């Protein structure tokens, strides 16, 4: 399984990252991280949208699901039958949102590994024969930030962007039918917990990983704005 992951997912992404790095003026690996992250997220965007639509469809029928569960709370067989009938009538597949997410996870993990390992002798040995090996590896992002060292400003920025993303998600489910008080309370807690958590764990991480986190969170914020504009 590890060999499959490395050869089919990680190695191709690493080579694409090197192609981008070689093509960039000044060979800025930090910018290569941003470009690579955006390209992968753009490729995965149709899957993200499909998972989101599936979740929205489930949210809409949640009141009916709750009614069925209450009505047949003492008869699990009848409850399951009624729920499946509701899914069929509404054209909803409860598993439809899972497959896109399962496909995304290995790709995003491989992307994370590309930037966590960085451009080392070990990783550069995985380059395909037709990919030019960089003569020298620059670890400066925008000529200022060493991506192999920690960066407090970037870490704080990651926390701020995580808060913005959480605020978007909280507002996107506000007023949605079937979203109970428990879900709303959890969203409120995560709104403040996740940014603090990101800052704490990112405090000692190399800046390259924080650049990746900033890029992917910023893309998620853009994605939410795009979805909202399409709905309106």
Protein backbone atom coordinates (compact mmCIF):
# COMPACT_ATOMS: atom_id res chain seq x y z
CA UNK A 1 0.00 0.00 0.00
CA UNK A 2 2.87 2.34 0.87
CA UNK A 3 4.59 1.61 -2.45
CA UNK A 4 1.33 2.25 -4.33
CA UNK A 5 0.88 5.60 -2.55
CA UNK A 6 4.48 6.68 -3.20
CA UNK A 7 4.60 5.67 -6.88
CA UNK A 8 1.05 6.54 -8.00
CA UNK A 9 0.31 9.66 -5.93
CA UNK A 10 3.31 11.12 -4.06
CA UNK A 11 6.00 10.78 -6.75
CA UNK A 12 3.96 12.36 -9.59
CA UNK A 13 3.02 15.30 -7.34
CA UNK A 14 6.66 15.74 -6.29
CA UNK A 15 7.75 15.85 -9.94
CA UNK A 16 5.04 18.39 -10.79
CA UNK A 17 6.24 20.52 -7.85
CA UNK A 18 9.81 20.43 -9.24
CA UNK A 19 8.58 21.39 -12.73
CA UNK A 20 6.80 24.40 -11.20
CA UNK A 21 9.88 25.24 -9.09
CA UNK A 22 12.16 25.12 -12.15
CA UNK A 23 9.76 27.28 -14.18
CA UNK A 24 9.41 30.05 -11.60
CA UNK A 25 11.65 33.12 -11.87
CA UNK A 26 14.07 33.05 -8.97
CA UNK A 27 13.23 29.40 -8.18
CA UNK A 28 11.06 30.25 -5.16
CA UNK A 29 9.93 26.99 -3.53
CA UNK A 30 7.47 28.91 -1.35
CA UNK A 31 5.64 30.21 -4.43
CA UNK A 32 5.86 26.70 -5.93
CA UNK A 33 4.01 25.46 -2.83
CA UNK A 34 1.25 28.04 -3.38
CA UNK A 35 0.92 27.32 -7.12
CA UNK A 36 0.94 23.56 -6.58
CA UNK A 37 -1.67 23.77 -3.82
CA UNK A 38 -3.99 25.91 -5.95
CA UNK A 39 -3.64 23.59 -8.96
CA UNK A 40 -4.47 20.49 -6.90
CA UNK A 41 -7.40 22.22 -5.18
CA UNK A 42 -8.74 23.39 -8.55
CA UNK A 43 -8.55 19.82 -9.85
CA UNK A 44 -10.41 18.60 -6.76
CA UNK A 45 -13.00 21.38 -6.80
CA UNK A 46 -15.68 19.41 -8.72
CA UNK A 47 -15.43 16.67 -6.08
CA UNK A 48 -15.67 19.23 -3.27
CA UNK A 49 -18.77 20.79 -4.83
CA UNK A 50 -20.38 17.37 -5.27
CA UNK A 51 -19.79 16.50 -1.60
CA UNK A 52 -21.19 19.88 -0.53
CA UNK A 53 -24.34 19.50 -2.63
CA UNK A 54 -24.88 16.04 -1.15
CA UNK A 55 -24.57 17.43 2.38
CA UNK A 56 -26.98 20.27 1.58
CA UNK A 57 -29.53 17.76 0.24
CA UNK A 58 -29.25 15.75 3.47
CA UNK A 59 -29.69 18.89 5.57
CA UNK A 60 -32.91 19.73 3.74
CA UNK A 61 -34.53 16.39 4.56
CA UNK A 62 -33.28 16.28 8.17
CA UNK A 63 -36.65 17.41 9.61
CA UNK A 64 -38.37 14.50 7.82
CA UNK A 65 -35.65 12.11 9.01
CA UNK A 66 -36.17 13.24 12.59
CA UNK A 67 -39.92 12.68 12.26
CA UNK A 68 -39.34 9.13 11.00
CA UNK A 69 -36.89 8.35 13.80
CA UNK A 70 -39.37 9.59 16.39
CA UNK A 71 -42.32 7.79 14.81
CA UNK A 72 -40.52 4.42 14.56
CA UNK A 73 -38.19 4.73 17.55
CA UNK A 74 -39.36 1.35 18.88
CA UNK A 75 -39.20 -0.42 15.51
CA UNK A 76 -35.74 -0.21 13.93
CA UNK A 77 -36.68 -2.32 10.91
CA UNK A 78 -39.63 -0.08 10.04
CA UNK A 79 -37.47 2.98 10.71
CA UNK A 80 -34.77 1.82 8.28
CA UNK A 81 -37.38 0.99 5.64
CA UNK A 82 -39.03 4.41 5.98
CA UNK A 83 -35.67 6.21 5.80
CA UNK A 84 -34.65 4.34 2.64
CA UNK A 85 -38.04 5.16 1.10
CA UNK A 86 -37.51 8.86 1.92
CA UNK A 87 -34.04 8.81 0.34
CA UNK A 88 -35.53 7.28 -2.82
CA UNK A 89 -38.41 9.78 -2.98
CA UNK A 90 -36.08 12.77 -2.49
CA UNK A 91 -33.37 11.39 -4.80
CA UNK A 92 -30.78 11.57 -2.03
CA UNK A 93 -27.85 9.18 -1.62
CA UNK A 94 -26.44 9.47 1.93
CA UNK A 95 -23.09 8.03 0.76
CA UNK A 96 -22.74 10.37 -2.24
CA UNK A 97 -20.70 12.87 -0.26
CA UNK A 98 -18.27 10.28 1.10
CA UNK A 99 -16.65 9.10 -2.14
CA UNK A 100 -15.42 12.56 -3.25
CA UNK A 101 -13.88 13.10 0.18
CA UNK A 102 -12.22 9.67 0.17
CA UNK A 103 -10.69 10.43 -3.24
CA UNK A 104 -9.41 13.81 -2.05
CA UNK A 105 -7.71 12.63 1.14
CA UNK A 106 -4.82 10.63 -0.43
CA UNK A 107 -4.08 13.50 -2.83
CA UNK A 108 -4.07 16.12 -0.09
CA UNK A 109 -1.94 13.89 2.16
CA UNK A 110 0.55 13.38 -0.68
CA UNK A 111 0.66 17.13 -1.28
CA UNK A 112 1.31 17.64 2.43
CA UNK A 113 4.13 15.06 2.29
CA UNK A 114 5.74 16.81 -0.71
CA UNK A 115 6.09 20.01 1.31
CA UNK A 116 6.84 18.31 4.64
CA UNK A 117 9.80 16.42 3.15
CA UNK A 118 10.86 19.33 0.95
CA UNK A 119 13.62 19.27 -1.65
CA UNK A 120 16.10 16.90 -0.04
CA UNK A 121 18.57 14.53 -1.69
CA UNK A 122 16.18 11.70 -0.88
CA UNK A 123 13.18 13.37 -2.52
CA UNK A 124 15.16 14.61 -5.53
CA UNK A 125 16.25 11.02 -6.21
CA UNK A 126 12.59 10.31 -7.06
CA UNK A 127 12.62 12.66 -10.05
CA UNK A 128 11.75 11.14 -13.40
CA UNK A 129 14.61 11.01 -15.92
CA UNK A 130 13.01 13.70 -18.11
CA UNK A 131 12.65 16.19 -15.22
CA UNK A 132 15.57 18.60 -14.76
CA UNK A 133 17.16 18.36 -11.33
CA UNK A 134 17.57 21.81 -9.70
CA UNK A 135 21.21 22.89 -9.46
CA UNK A 136 20.57 24.66 -6.18
CA UNK A 137 17.58 24.70 -3.87
CA UNK A 138 16.41 28.06 -2.52
CA UNK A 139 14.51 27.84 0.75
CA UNK A 140 13.46 31.49 0.77
CA UNK A 141 9.81 32.42 0.24
CA UNK A 142 9.49 35.84 -1.47
CA UNK A 143 13.17 36.33 -0.64
CA UNK A 144 12.32 36.81 3.05
CA UNK A 145 10.99 33.71 4.82
CA UNK A 146 13.14 30.59 5.19
CA UNK A 147 10.60 27.79 4.66
CA UNK A 148 12.76 25.32 6.60
CA UNK A 149 12.44 27.45 9.76
CA UNK A 150 9.38 28.51 11.74
CA UNK A 151 7.63 31.78 10.91
CA UNK A 152 5.46 33.38 13.60
CA UNK A 153 3.77 35.92 11.23
CA UNK A 154 2.78 33.14 8.80
CA UNK A 155 1.52 30.98 11.67
CA UNK A 156 -0.67 33.82 12.95
CA UNK A 157 -1.93 34.40 9.39
CA UNK A 158 -2.86 30.70 9.19
CA UNK A 159 -4.88 31.10 12.40
CA UNK A 160 -6.65 34.21 11.10
CA UNK A 161 -7.58 32.52 7.82
CA UNK A 162 -8.84 29.47 9.74
CA UNK A 163 -11.12 31.80 11.76
CA UNK A 164 -12.47 33.36 8.55
CA UNK A 165 -13.15 29.93 7.09
CA UNK A 166 -14.90 28.82 10.29
CA UNK A 167 -17.01 31.99 10.29
CA UNK A 168 -18.03 31.26 6.69
CA UNK A 169 -19.05 27.70 7.53
CA UNK A 170 -20.99 28.81 10.60
CA UNK A 171 -22.96 31.34 8.58
CA UNK A 172 -23.53 28.94 5.68
CA UNK A 173 -25.55 26.56 7.88
CA UNK A 174 -27.38 29.27 9.82
CA UNK A 175 -31.09 28.90 9.18
CA UNK A 176 -30.65 25.62 7.30
CA UNK A 177 -33.59 23.26 7.97
CA UNK A 178 -32.68 20.34 10.20
CA UNK A 179 -29.55 21.88 11.68
CA UNK A 180 -30.07 21.54 15.41
CA UNK A 181 -28.81 23.53 18.36
CA UNK A 182 -26.09 20.94 19.02
CA UNK A 183 -24.59 21.44 15.55
CA UNK A 184 -24.80 25.23 15.89
CA UNK A 185 -23.10 25.07 19.30
CA UNK A 186 -20.34 22.82 17.92
CA UNK A 187 -19.74 25.23 15.01
CA UNK A 188 -19.44 28.12 17.49
CA UNK A 189 -16.90 26.22 19.58
CA UNK A 190 -14.82 25.17 16.57
CA UNK A 191 -14.87 28.76 15.28
CA UNK A 192 -12.52 29.75 18.11
CA UNK A 193 -10.86 26.43 18.94
CA UNK A 194 -9.43 25.60 15.49
CA UNK A 195 -7.57 28.91 14.91
CA UNK A 196 -5.93 28.65 18.34
CA UNK A 197 -5.11 24.98 17.70
CA UNK A 198 -3.56 25.81 14.31
CA UNK A 199 -1.37 28.51 15.87
CA UNK A 200 -0.24 26.19 18.68
CA UNK A 201 0.74 23.26 16.43
CA UNK A 202 2.14 25.58 13.75
CA UNK A 203 4.35 27.44 16.22
CA UNK A 204 7.22 24.97 15.77
CA UNK A 205 6.45 23.76 12.24
CA UNK A 206 8.68 24.75 9.30
CA UNK A 207 7.26 27.68 7.37
CA UNK A 208 6.88 25.57 4.21
CA UNK A 209 4.05 23.61 5.83
CA UNK A 210 2.45 26.83 7.06
CA UNK A 211 2.61 28.27 3.52
CA UNK A 212 0.77 25.14 2.36
CA UNK A 213 -1.84 25.55 5.11
CA UNK A 214 -2.31 29.25 4.33
CA UNK A 215 -2.71 28.50 0.61
CA UNK A 216 -5.22 25.67 1.06
CA UNK A 217 -7.26 27.60 3.66
CA UNK A 218 -7.32 30.71 1.45
CA UNK A 219 -8.51 28.54 -1.43
CA UNK A 220 -11.27 27.07 0.78
CA UNK A 221 -12.42 30.62 1.61
CA UNK A 222 -12.49 31.48 -2.10
CA UNK A 223 -14.38 28.23 -2.78
CA UNK A 224 -17.05 29.16 -0.22
CA UNK A 225 -17.45 32.63 -1.76
CA UNK A 226 -17.79 31.02 -5.19
CA UNK A 227 -20.47 28.61 -3.97
CA UNK A 228 -22.37 31.42 -2.25
CA UNK A 229 -22.26 33.60 -5.39
CA UNK A 230 -23.57 30.70 -7.50
CA UNK A 231 -26.46 30.16 -5.07
CA UNK A 232 -27.42 33.84 -5.10
